[in-house]
mmCIF file of all heavy atoms, coordinates in Angstrom:
data_MODEL
# 
_entry.id   MODEL 
# 
loop_
_atom_site.group_PDB 
_atom_site.id 
_atom_site.type_symbol 
_atom_site.label_atom_id 
_atom_site.label_alt_id 
_atom_site.label_comp_id 
_atom_site.label_asym_id 
_atom_site.label_entity_id 
_atom_site.label_seq_id 
_atom_site.pdbx_PDB_ins_code 
_atom_site.Cartn_x 
_atom_site.Cartn_y 
_atom_site.Cartn_z 
_atom_site.occupancy 
_atom_site.B_iso_or_equiv 
_atom_site.pdbx_formal_charge 
_atom_site.auth_seq_id 
_atom_site.auth_comp_id 
_atom_site.auth_asym_id 
_atom_site.auth_atom_id 
_atom_site.pdbx_PDB_model_num 
ATOM 1   N N   . ALA A 1 1  ? 71.137  89.685  -44.452 1.00 0.00 ? 1  ALA A N   1 
ATOM 2   C CA  . ALA A 1 1  ? 72.171  90.092  -43.496 1.00 0.00 ? 1  ALA A CA  1 
ATOM 3   C C   . ALA A 1 1  ? 71.760  89.706  -42.077 1.00 0.00 ? 1  ALA A C   1 
ATOM 4   O O   . ALA A 1 1  ? 72.579  89.230  -41.285 1.00 0.00 ? 1  ALA A O   1 
ATOM 5   C CB  . ALA A 1 1  ? 72.439  91.587  -43.610 1.00 0.00 ? 1  ALA A CB  1 
ATOM 6   N N   . GLN A 1 2  ? 70.480  89.903  -41.766 1.00 0.00 ? 2  GLN A N   1 
ATOM 7   C CA  . GLN A 1 2  ? 69.967  89.547  -40.441 1.00 0.00 ? 2  GLN A CA  1 
ATOM 8   C C   . GLN A 1 2  ? 70.010  88.034  -40.231 1.00 0.00 ? 2  GLN A C   1 
ATOM 9   O O   . GLN A 1 2  ? 70.488  87.557  -39.213 1.00 0.00 ? 2  GLN A O   1 
ATOM 10  C CB  . GLN A 1 2  ? 68.542  90.071  -40.286 1.00 0.00 ? 2  GLN A CB  1 
ATOM 11  C CG  . GLN A 1 2  ? 67.896  89.730  -38.962 1.00 0.00 ? 2  GLN A CG  1 
ATOM 12  C CD  . GLN A 1 2  ? 68.492  90.486  -37.807 1.00 0.00 ? 2  GLN A CD  1 
ATOM 13  O OE1 . GLN A 1 2  ? 68.942  91.610  -37.958 1.00 0.00 ? 2  GLN A OE1 1 
ATOM 14  N NE2 . GLN A 1 2  ? 68.496  89.892  -36.635 1.00 0.00 ? 2  GLN A NE2 1 
ATOM 15  N N   . GLN A 1 3  ? 69.529  87.273  -41.200 1.00 0.00 ? 3  GLN A N   1 
ATOM 16  C CA  . GLN A 1 3  ? 69.486  85.808  -41.085 1.00 0.00 ? 3  GLN A CA  1 
ATOM 17  C C   . GLN A 1 3  ? 70.868  85.194  -40.932 1.00 0.00 ? 3  GLN A C   1 
ATOM 18  O O   . GLN A 1 3  ? 71.033  84.175  -40.260 1.00 0.00 ? 3  GLN A O   1 
ATOM 19  C CB  . GLN A 1 3  ? 68.790  85.204  -42.303 1.00 0.00 ? 3  GLN A CB  1 
ATOM 20  C CG  . GLN A 1 3  ? 67.309  85.442  -42.350 1.00 0.00 ? 3  GLN A CG  1 
ATOM 21  C CD  . GLN A 1 3  ? 66.705  84.950  -43.655 1.00 0.00 ? 3  GLN A CD  1 
ATOM 22  O OE1 . GLN A 1 3  ? 67.254  84.099  -44.340 1.00 0.00 ? 3  GLN A OE1 1 
ATOM 23  N NE2 . GLN A 1 3  ? 65.551  85.503  -44.005 1.00 0.00 ? 3  GLN A NE2 1 
ATOM 24  N N   . THR A 1 4  ? 71.856  85.775  -41.576 1.00 0.00 ? 4  THR A N   1 
ATOM 25  C CA  . THR A 1 4  ? 73.209  85.205  -41.567 1.00 0.00 ? 4  THR A CA  1 
ATOM 26  C C   . THR A 1 4  ? 74.121  85.860  -40.534 1.00 0.00 ? 4  THR A C   1 
ATOM 27  O O   . THR A 1 4  ? 75.279  85.474  -40.402 1.00 0.00 ? 4  THR A O   1 
ATOM 28  C CB  . THR A 1 4  ? 73.860  85.336  -42.953 1.00 0.00 ? 4  THR A CB  1 
ATOM 29  O OG1 . THR A 1 4  ? 73.964  86.724  -43.292 1.00 0.00 ? 4  THR A OG1 1 
ATOM 30  C CG2 . THR A 1 4  ? 73.054  84.602  -44.003 1.00 0.00 ? 4  THR A CG2 1 
ATOM 31  N N   . SER A 1 5  ? 73.606  86.876  -39.838 1.00 0.00 ? 5  SER A N   1 
ATOM 32  C CA  . SER A 1 5  ? 74.398  87.650  -38.860 1.00 0.00 ? 5  SER A CA  1 
ATOM 33  C C   . SER A 1 5  ? 75.604  88.327  -39.505 1.00 0.00 ? 5  SER A C   1 
ATOM 34  O O   . SER A 1 5  ? 76.630  88.525  -38.864 1.00 0.00 ? 5  SER A O   1 
ATOM 35  C CB  . SER A 1 5  ? 74.859  86.769  -37.693 1.00 0.00 ? 5  SER A CB  1 
ATOM 36  O OG  . SER A 1 5  ? 73.750  86.234  -37.008 1.00 0.00 ? 5  SER A OG  1 
ATOM 37  N N   . LEU A 1 6  ? 75.470  88.719  -40.769 1.00 0.00 ? 6  LEU A N   1 
ATOM 38  C CA  . LEU A 1 6  ? 76.580  89.336  -41.477 1.00 0.00 ? 6  LEU A CA  1 
ATOM 39  C C   . LEU A 1 6  ? 77.058  90.608  -40.785 1.00 0.00 ? 6  LEU A C   1 
ATOM 40  O O   . LEU A 1 6  ? 78.257  90.763  -40.525 1.00 0.00 ? 6  LEU A O   1 
ATOM 41  C CB  . LEU A 1 6  ? 76.198  89.631  -42.932 1.00 0.00 ? 6  LEU A CB  1 
ATOM 42  C CG  . LEU A 1 6  ? 77.262  90.314  -43.784 1.00 0.00 ? 6  LEU A CG  1 
ATOM 43  C CD1 . LEU A 1 6  ? 78.522  89.469  -43.871 1.00 0.00 ? 6  LEU A CD1 1 
ATOM 44  C CD2 . LEU A 1 6  ? 76.707  90.591  -45.178 1.00 0.00 ? 6  LEU A CD2 1 
ATOM 45  N N   . GLY A 1 7  ? 76.161  91.503  -40.470 1.00 0.00 ? 7  GLY A N   1 
ATOM 46  C CA  . GLY A 1 7  ? 76.551  92.754  -39.824 1.00 0.00 ? 7  GLY A CA  1 
ATOM 47  C C   . GLY A 1 7  ? 77.176  92.522  -38.456 1.00 0.00 ? 7  GLY A C   1 
ATOM 48  O O   . GLY A 1 7  ? 78.212  93.102  -38.120 1.00 0.00 ? 7  GLY A O   1 
ATOM 49  N N   . LYS A 1 8  ? 76.544  91.666  -37.683 1.00 0.00 ? 8  LYS A N   1 
ATOM 50  C CA  . LYS A 1 8  ? 77.050  91.356  -36.334 1.00 0.00 ? 8  LYS A CA  1 
ATOM 51  C C   . LYS A 1 8  ? 78.461  90.772  -36.403 1.00 0.00 ? 8  LYS A C   1 
ATOM 52  O O   . LYS A 1 8  ? 79.358  91.185  -35.671 1.00 0.00 ? 8  LYS A O   1 
ATOM 53  C CB  . LYS A 1 8  ? 76.091  90.381  -35.649 1.00 0.00 ? 8  LYS A CB  1 
ATOM 54  C CG  . LYS A 1 8  ? 76.499  89.967  -34.268 1.00 0.00 ? 8  LYS A CG  1 
ATOM 55  C CD  . LYS A 1 8  ? 75.508  88.960  -33.703 1.00 0.00 ? 8  LYS A CD  1 
ATOM 56  C CE  . LYS A 1 8  ? 75.993  88.418  -32.380 1.00 0.00 ? 8  LYS A CE  1 
ATOM 57  N NZ  . LYS A 1 8  ? 75.107  87.361  -31.878 1.00 0.00 ? 8  LYS A NZ  1 
ATOM 58  N N   . ASN A 1 9  ? 78.658  89.826  -37.313 1.00 0.00 ? 9  ASN A N   1 
ATOM 59  C CA  . ASN A 1 9  ? 79.970  89.198  -37.450 1.00 0.00 ? 9  ASN A CA  1 
ATOM 60  C C   . ASN A 1 9  ? 81.012  90.191  -37.952 1.00 0.00 ? 9  ASN A C   1 
ATOM 61  O O   . ASN A 1 9  ? 82.155  90.198  -37.474 1.00 0.00 ? 9  ASN A O   1 
ATOM 62  C CB  . ASN A 1 9  ? 79.894  87.979  -38.369 1.00 0.00 ? 9  ASN A CB  1 
ATOM 63  C CG  . ASN A 1 9  ? 79.133  86.834  -37.733 1.00 0.00 ? 9  ASN A CG  1 
ATOM 64  O OD1 . ASN A 1 9  ? 78.933  86.798  -36.529 1.00 0.00 ? 9  ASN A OD1 1 
ATOM 65  N ND2 . ASN A 1 9  ? 78.693  85.907  -38.553 1.00 0.00 ? 9  ASN A ND2 1 
ATOM 66  N N   . ALA A 1 10 ? 80.639  90.995  -38.915 1.00 0.00 ? 10 ALA A N   1 
ATOM 67  C CA  . ALA A 1 10 ? 81.582  91.978  -39.461 1.00 0.00 ? 10 ALA A CA  1 
ATOM 68  C C   . ALA A 1 10 ? 81.997  92.986  -38.387 1.00 0.00 ? 10 ALA A C   1 
ATOM 69  O O   . ALA A 1 10 ? 83.175  93.330  -38.260 1.00 0.00 ? 10 ALA A O   1 
ATOM 70  C CB  . ALA A 1 10 ? 80.967  92.696  -40.656 1.00 0.00 ? 10 ALA A CB  1 
ATOM 71  N N   . ARG A 1 11 ? 81.032  93.448  -37.590 1.00 0.00 ? 11 ARG A N   1 
ATOM 72  C CA  . ARG A 1 11 ? 81.357  94.399  -36.510 1.00 0.00 ? 11 ARG A CA  1 
ATOM 73  C C   . ARG A 1 11 ? 82.258  93.755  -35.458 1.00 0.00 ? 11 ARG A C   1 
ATOM 74  O O   . ARG A 1 11 ? 83.207  94.376  -34.977 1.00 0.00 ? 11 ARG A O   1 
ATOM 75  C CB  . ARG A 1 11 ? 80.072  94.939  -35.873 1.00 0.00 ? 11 ARG A CB  1 
ATOM 76  C CG  . ARG A 1 11 ? 79.368  95.981  -36.732 1.00 0.00 ? 11 ARG A CG  1 
ATOM 77  C CD  . ARG A 1 11 ? 78.194  96.628  -36.006 1.00 0.00 ? 11 ARG A CD  1 
ATOM 78  N NE  . ARG A 1 11 ? 77.156  95.681  -35.609 1.00 0.00 ? 11 ARG A NE  1 
ATOM 79  C CZ  . ARG A 1 11 ? 76.199  95.230  -36.425 1.00 0.00 ? 11 ARG A CZ  1 
ATOM 80  N NH1 . ARG A 1 11 ? 76.146  95.641  -37.673 1.00 0.00 ? 11 ARG A NH1 1 
ATOM 81  N NH2 . ARG A 1 11 ? 75.291  94.381  -35.989 1.00 0.00 ? 11 ARG A NH2 1 
ATOM 82  N N   . ALA A 1 12 ? 81.984  92.512  -35.113 1.00 0.00 ? 12 ALA A N   1 
ATOM 83  C CA  . ALA A 1 12 ? 82.809  91.813  -34.115 1.00 0.00 ? 12 ALA A CA  1 
ATOM 84  C C   . ALA A 1 12 ? 84.236  91.640  -34.637 1.00 0.00 ? 12 ALA A C   1 
ATOM 85  O O   . ALA A 1 12 ? 85.205  91.850  -33.896 1.00 0.00 ? 12 ALA A O   1 
ATOM 86  C CB  . ALA A 1 12 ? 82.191  90.458  -33.780 1.00 0.00 ? 12 ALA A CB  1 
ATOM 87  N N   . LEU A 1 13 ? 84.371  91.269  -35.900 1.00 0.00 ? 13 LEU A N   1 
ATOM 88  C CA  . LEU A 1 13 ? 85.711  91.114  -36.480 1.00 0.00 ? 13 LEU A CA  1 
ATOM 89  C C   . LEU A 1 13 ? 86.431  92.446  -36.555 1.00 0.00 ? 13 LEU A C   1 
ATOM 90  O O   . LEU A 1 13 ? 87.636  92.525  -36.297 1.00 0.00 ? 13 LEU A O   1 
ATOM 91  C CB  . LEU A 1 13 ? 85.621  90.467  -37.866 1.00 0.00 ? 13 LEU A CB  1 
ATOM 92  C CG  . LEU A 1 13 ? 85.271  88.985  -37.866 1.00 0.00 ? 13 LEU A CG  1 
ATOM 93  C CD1 . LEU A 1 13 ? 84.949  88.505  -39.271 1.00 0.00 ? 13 LEU A CD1 1 
ATOM 94  C CD2 . LEU A 1 13 ? 86.402  88.170  -37.262 1.00 0.00 ? 13 LEU A CD2 1 
ATOM 95  N N   . GLU A 1 14 ? 85.701  93.499  -36.898 1.00 0.00 ? 14 GLU A N   1 
ATOM 96  C CA  . GLU A 1 14 ? 86.347  94.810  -36.948 1.00 0.00 ? 14 GLU A CA  1 
ATOM 97  C C   . GLU A 1 14 ? 86.872  95.214  -35.570 1.00 0.00 ? 14 GLU A C   1 
ATOM 98  O O   . GLU A 1 14 ? 88.002  95.688  -35.446 1.00 0.00 ? 14 GLU A O   1 
ATOM 99  C CB  . GLU A 1 14 ? 85.395  95.889  -37.470 1.00 0.00 ? 14 GLU A CB  1 
ATOM 100 C CG  . GLU A 1 14 ? 86.076  97.234  -37.551 1.00 0.00 ? 14 GLU A CG  1 
ATOM 101 C CD  . GLU A 1 14 ? 85.247  98.312  -38.201 1.00 0.00 ? 14 GLU A CD  1 
ATOM 102 O OE1 . GLU A 1 14 ? 84.017  98.155  -38.312 1.00 0.00 ? 14 GLU A OE1 1 
ATOM 103 O OE2 . GLU A 1 14 ? 85.848  99.319  -38.591 1.00 0.00 ? 14 GLU A OE2 1 
ATOM 104 N N   . THR A 1 15 ? 86.085  94.992  -34.547 1.00 0.00 ? 15 THR A N   1 
ATOM 105 C CA  . THR A 1 15 ? 86.527  95.308  -33.183 1.00 0.00 ? 15 THR A CA  1 
ATOM 106 C C   . THR A 1 15 ? 87.760  94.487  -32.822 1.00 0.00 ? 15 THR A C   1 
ATOM 107 O O   . THR A 1 15 ? 88.741  95.021  -32.306 1.00 0.00 ? 15 THR A O   1 
ATOM 108 C CB  . THR A 1 15 ? 85.392  95.035  -32.183 1.00 0.00 ? 15 THR A CB  1 
ATOM 109 O OG1 . THR A 1 15 ? 84.286  95.898  -32.504 1.00 0.00 ? 15 THR A OG1 1 
ATOM 110 C CG2 . THR A 1 15 ? 85.834  95.284  -30.753 1.00 0.00 ? 15 THR A CG2 1 
ATOM 111 N N   . GLU A 1 16 ? 87.717  93.204  -33.115 1.00 0.00 ? 16 GLU A N   1 
ATOM 112 C CA  . GLU A 1 16 ? 88.844  92.323  -32.806 1.00 0.00 ? 16 GLU A CA  1 
ATOM 113 C C   . GLU A 1 16 ? 90.138  92.779  -33.502 1.00 0.00 ? 16 GLU A C   1 
ATOM 114 O O   . GLU A 1 16 ? 91.183  92.925  -32.875 1.00 0.00 ? 16 GLU A O   1 
ATOM 115 C CB  . GLU A 1 16 ? 88.510  90.894  -33.236 1.00 0.00 ? 16 GLU A CB  1 
ATOM 116 C CG  . GLU A 1 16 ? 89.621  89.901  -33.053 1.00 0.00 ? 16 GLU A CG  1 
ATOM 117 C CD  . GLU A 1 16 ? 89.254  88.534  -33.597 1.00 0.00 ? 16 GLU A CD  1 
ATOM 118 O OE1 . GLU A 1 16 ? 88.078  88.125  -33.521 1.00 0.00 ? 16 GLU A OE1 1 
ATOM 119 O OE2 . GLU A 1 16 ? 90.174  87.854  -34.112 1.00 0.00 ? 16 GLU A OE2 1 
ATOM 120 N N   . TYR A 1 17 ? 90.039  92.991  -34.802 1.00 0.00 ? 17 TYR A N   1 
ATOM 121 C CA  . TYR A 1 17 ? 91.236  93.366  -35.565 1.00 0.00 ? 17 TYR A CA  1 
ATOM 122 C C   . TYR A 1 17 ? 91.689  94.796  -35.250 1.00 0.00 ? 17 TYR A C   1 
ATOM 123 O O   . TYR A 1 17 ? 92.896  95.056  -35.181 1.00 0.00 ? 17 TYR A O   1 
ATOM 124 C CB  . TYR A 1 17 ? 90.991  93.191  -37.063 1.00 0.00 ? 17 TYR A CB  1 
ATOM 125 C CG  . TYR A 1 17 ? 91.123  91.760  -37.511 1.00 0.00 ? 17 TYR A CG  1 
ATOM 126 C CD1 . TYR A 1 17 ? 90.007  90.926  -37.597 1.00 0.00 ? 17 TYR A CD1 1 
ATOM 127 C CD2 . TYR A 1 17 ? 92.358  91.219  -37.831 1.00 0.00 ? 17 TYR A CD2 1 
ATOM 128 C CE1 . TYR A 1 17 ? 90.124  89.616  -38.002 1.00 0.00 ? 17 TYR A CE1 1 
ATOM 129 C CE2 . TYR A 1 17 ? 92.492  89.904  -38.240 1.00 0.00 ? 17 TYR A CE2 1 
ATOM 130 C CZ  . TYR A 1 17 ? 91.365  89.099  -38.319 1.00 0.00 ? 17 TYR A CZ  1 
ATOM 131 O OH  . TYR A 1 17 ? 91.489  87.788  -38.717 1.00 0.00 ? 17 TYR A OH  1 
ATOM 132 N N   . ARG A 1 18 ? 90.755  95.711  -35.044 1.00 0.00 ? 18 ARG A N   1 
ATOM 133 C CA  . ARG A 1 18 ? 91.122  97.087  -34.699 1.00 0.00 ? 18 ARG A CA  1 
ATOM 134 C C   . ARG A 1 18 ? 91.839  97.107  -33.344 1.00 0.00 ? 18 ARG A C   1 
ATOM 135 O O   . ARG A 1 18 ? 92.838  97.794  -33.169 1.00 0.00 ? 18 ARG A O   1 
ATOM 136 C CB  . ARG A 1 18 ? 89.883  97.987  -34.681 1.00 0.00 ? 18 ARG A CB  1 
ATOM 137 C CG  . ARG A 1 18 ? 90.210  99.463  -34.477 1.00 0.00 ? 18 ARG A CG  1 
ATOM 138 C CD  . ARG A 1 18 ? 88.969  100.328 -34.392 1.00 0.00 ? 18 ARG A CD  1 
ATOM 139 N NE  . ARG A 1 18 ? 88.115  99.893  -33.293 1.00 0.00 ? 18 ARG A NE  1 
ATOM 140 C CZ  . ARG A 1 18 ? 86.844  99.543  -33.424 1.00 0.00 ? 18 ARG A CZ  1 
ATOM 141 N NH1 . ARG A 1 18 ? 86.241  99.582  -34.589 1.00 0.00 ? 18 ARG A NH1 1 
ATOM 142 N NH2 . ARG A 1 18 ? 86.146  99.149  -32.368 1.00 0.00 ? 18 ARG A NH2 1 
ATOM 143 N N   . ASP A 1 19 ? 91.331  96.334  -32.396 1.00 0.00 ? 19 ASP A N   1 
ATOM 144 C CA  . ASP A 1 19 ? 91.964  96.269  -31.078 1.00 0.00 ? 19 ASP A CA  1 
ATOM 145 C C   . ASP A 1 19 ? 93.370  95.689  -31.166 1.00 0.00 ? 19 ASP A C   1 
ATOM 146 O O   . ASP A 1 19 ? 94.278  96.129  -30.457 1.00 0.00 ? 19 ASP A O   1 
ATOM 147 C CB  . ASP A 1 19 ? 91.116  95.462  -30.108 1.00 0.00 ? 19 ASP A CB  1 
ATOM 148 C CG  . ASP A 1 19 ? 89.828  96.173  -29.708 1.00 0.00 ? 19 ASP A CG  1 
ATOM 149 O OD1 . ASP A 1 19 ? 89.675  97.374  -30.045 1.00 0.00 ? 19 ASP A OD1 1 
ATOM 150 O OD2 . ASP A 1 19 ? 88.969  95.522  -29.079 1.00 0.00 ? 19 ASP A OD2 1 
ATOM 151 N N   . LYS A 1 20 ? 93.562  94.700  -32.033 1.00 0.00 ? 20 LYS A N   1 
ATOM 152 C CA  . LYS A 1 20 ? 94.894  94.135  -32.213 1.00 0.00 ? 20 LYS A CA  1 
ATOM 153 C C   . LYS A 1 20 ? 95.851  95.176  -32.778 1.00 0.00 ? 20 LYS A C   1 
ATOM 154 O O   . LYS A 1 20 ? 96.986  95.307  -32.306 1.00 0.00 ? 20 LYS A O   1 
ATOM 155 C CB  . LYS A 1 20 ? 94.864  92.906  -33.107 1.00 0.00 ? 20 LYS A CB  1 
ATOM 156 C CG  . LYS A 1 20 ? 96.244  92.281  -33.260 1.00 0.00 ? 20 LYS A CG  1 
ATOM 157 C CD  . LYS A 1 20 ? 96.247  91.087  -34.150 1.00 0.00 ? 20 LYS A CD  1 
ATOM 158 C CE  . LYS A 1 20 ? 97.603  90.430  -34.294 1.00 0.00 ? 20 LYS A CE  1 
ATOM 159 N NZ  . LYS A 1 20 ? 98.777  91.245  -34.146 1.00 0.00 ? 20 LYS A NZ  1 
ATOM 160 N N   . VAL A 1 21 ? 95.407  95.932  -33.755 1.00 0.00 ? 21 VAL A N   1 
ATOM 161 C CA  . VAL A 1 21 ? 96.251  96.999  -34.320 1.00 0.00 ? 21 VAL A CA  1 
ATOM 162 C C   . VAL A 1 21 ? 96.547  98.029  -33.231 1.00 0.00 ? 21 VAL A C   1 
ATOM 163 O O   . VAL A 1 21 ? 97.683  98.495  -33.117 1.00 0.00 ? 21 VAL A O   1 
ATOM 164 C CB  . VAL A 1 21 ? 95.579  97.646  -35.551 1.00 0.00 ? 21 VAL A CB  1 
ATOM 165 C CG1 . VAL A 1 21 ? 96.268  98.940  -35.945 1.00 0.00 ? 21 VAL A CG1 1 
ATOM 166 C CG2 . VAL A 1 21 ? 95.591  96.674  -36.713 1.00 0.00 ? 21 VAL A CG2 1 
ATOM 167 N N   . ALA A 1 22 ? 95.564  98.338  -32.414 1.00 0.00 ? 22 ALA A N   1 
ATOM 168 C CA  . ALA A 1 22 ? 95.781  99.298  -31.325 1.00 0.00 ? 22 ALA A CA  1 
ATOM 169 C C   . ALA A 1 22 ? 96.835  98.781  -30.357 1.00 0.00 ? 22 ALA A C   1 
ATOM 170 O O   . ALA A 1 22 ? 97.684  99.552  -29.887 1.00 0.00 ? 22 ALA A O   1 
ATOM 171 C CB  . ALA A 1 22 ? 94.473  99.578  -30.594 1.00 0.00 ? 22 ALA A CB  1 
ATOM 172 N N   . ARG A 1 23 ? 96.811  97.477  -30.066 1.00 0.00 ? 23 ARG A N   1 
ATOM 173 C CA  . ARG A 1 23 ? 97.829  96.909  -29.184 1.00 0.00 ? 23 ARG A CA  1 
ATOM 174 C C   . ARG A 1 23 ? 99.200  96.937  -29.853 1.00 0.00 ? 23 ARG A C   1 
ATOM 175 O O   . ARG A 1 23 ? 100.212 97.248  -29.226 1.00 0.00 ? 23 ARG A O   1 
ATOM 176 C CB  . ARG A 1 23 ? 97.472  95.478  -28.791 1.00 0.00 ? 23 ARG A CB  1 
ATOM 177 C CG  . ARG A 1 23 ? 96.357  95.379  -27.783 1.00 0.00 ? 23 ARG A CG  1 
ATOM 178 C CD  . ARG A 1 23 ? 96.170  93.967  -27.242 1.00 0.00 ? 23 ARG A CD  1 
ATOM 179 N NE  . ARG A 1 23 ? 95.977  92.959  -28.282 1.00 0.00 ? 23 ARG A NE  1 
ATOM 180 C CZ  . ARG A 1 23 ? 94.808  92.631  -28.816 1.00 0.00 ? 23 ARG A CZ  1 
ATOM 181 N NH1 . ARG A 1 23 ? 93.715  93.245  -28.418 1.00 0.00 ? 23 ARG A NH1 1 
ATOM 182 N NH2 . ARG A 1 23 ? 94.728  91.685  -29.740 1.00 0.00 ? 23 ARG A NH2 1 
ATOM 183 N N   . ASP A 1 24 ? 99.223  96.616  -31.153 1.00 0.00 ? 24 ASP A N   1 
ATOM 184 C CA  . ASP A 1 24 ? 100.493 96.611  -31.896 1.00 0.00 ? 24 ASP A CA  1 
ATOM 185 C C   . ASP A 1 24 ? 101.118 98.004  -31.965 1.00 0.00 ? 24 ASP A C   1 
ATOM 186 O O   . ASP A 1 24 ? 102.342 98.125  -32.076 1.00 0.00 ? 24 ASP A O   1 
ATOM 187 C CB  . ASP A 1 24 ? 100.286 96.077  -33.317 1.00 0.00 ? 24 ASP A CB  1 
ATOM 188 C CG  . ASP A 1 24 ? 99.952  94.596  -33.344 1.00 0.00 ? 24 ASP A CG  1 
ATOM 189 O OD1 . ASP A 1 24 ? 100.107 93.915  -32.303 1.00 0.00 ? 24 ASP A OD1 1 
ATOM 190 O OD2 . ASP A 1 24 ? 99.516  94.117  -34.411 1.00 0.00 ? 24 ASP A OD2 1 
ATOM 191 N N   . TYR A 1 25 ? 100.290 99.014  -31.942 1.00 0.00 ? 25 TYR A N   1 
ATOM 192 C CA  . TYR A 1 25 ? 100.763 100.396 -32.050 1.00 0.00 ? 25 TYR A CA  1 
ATOM 193 C C   . TYR A 1 25 ? 100.466 101.193 -30.778 1.00 0.00 ? 25 TYR A C   1 
ATOM 194 O O   . TYR A 1 25 ? 100.205 102.393 -30.831 1.00 0.00 ? 25 TYR A O   1 
ATOM 195 C CB  . TYR A 1 25 ? 100.119 101.077 -33.272 1.00 0.00 ? 25 TYR A CB  1 
ATOM 196 C CG  . TYR A 1 25 ? 100.618 100.535 -34.580 1.00 0.00 ? 25 TYR A CG  1 
ATOM 197 C CD1 . TYR A 1 25 ? 99.983  99.452  -35.187 1.00 0.00 ? 25 TYR A CD1 1 
ATOM 198 C CD2 . TYR A 1 25 ? 101.740 101.079 -35.191 1.00 0.00 ? 25 TYR A CD2 1 
ATOM 199 C CE1 . TYR A 1 25 ? 100.439 98.935  -36.385 1.00 0.00 ? 25 TYR A CE1 1 
ATOM 200 C CE2 . TYR A 1 25 ? 102.216 100.563 -36.388 1.00 0.00 ? 25 TYR A CE2 1 
ATOM 201 C CZ  . TYR A 1 25 ? 101.556 99.490  -36.980 1.00 0.00 ? 25 TYR A CZ  1 
ATOM 202 O OH  . TYR A 1 25 ? 102.020 98.980  -38.160 1.00 0.00 ? 25 TYR A OH  1 
# 
């Protein structure tokens, strides 16, 4: 997970998509 930045990427995507839903609603 560290070598591939899996956690970092997943957290960044969650923030991006959550923020979009927040804007939509």
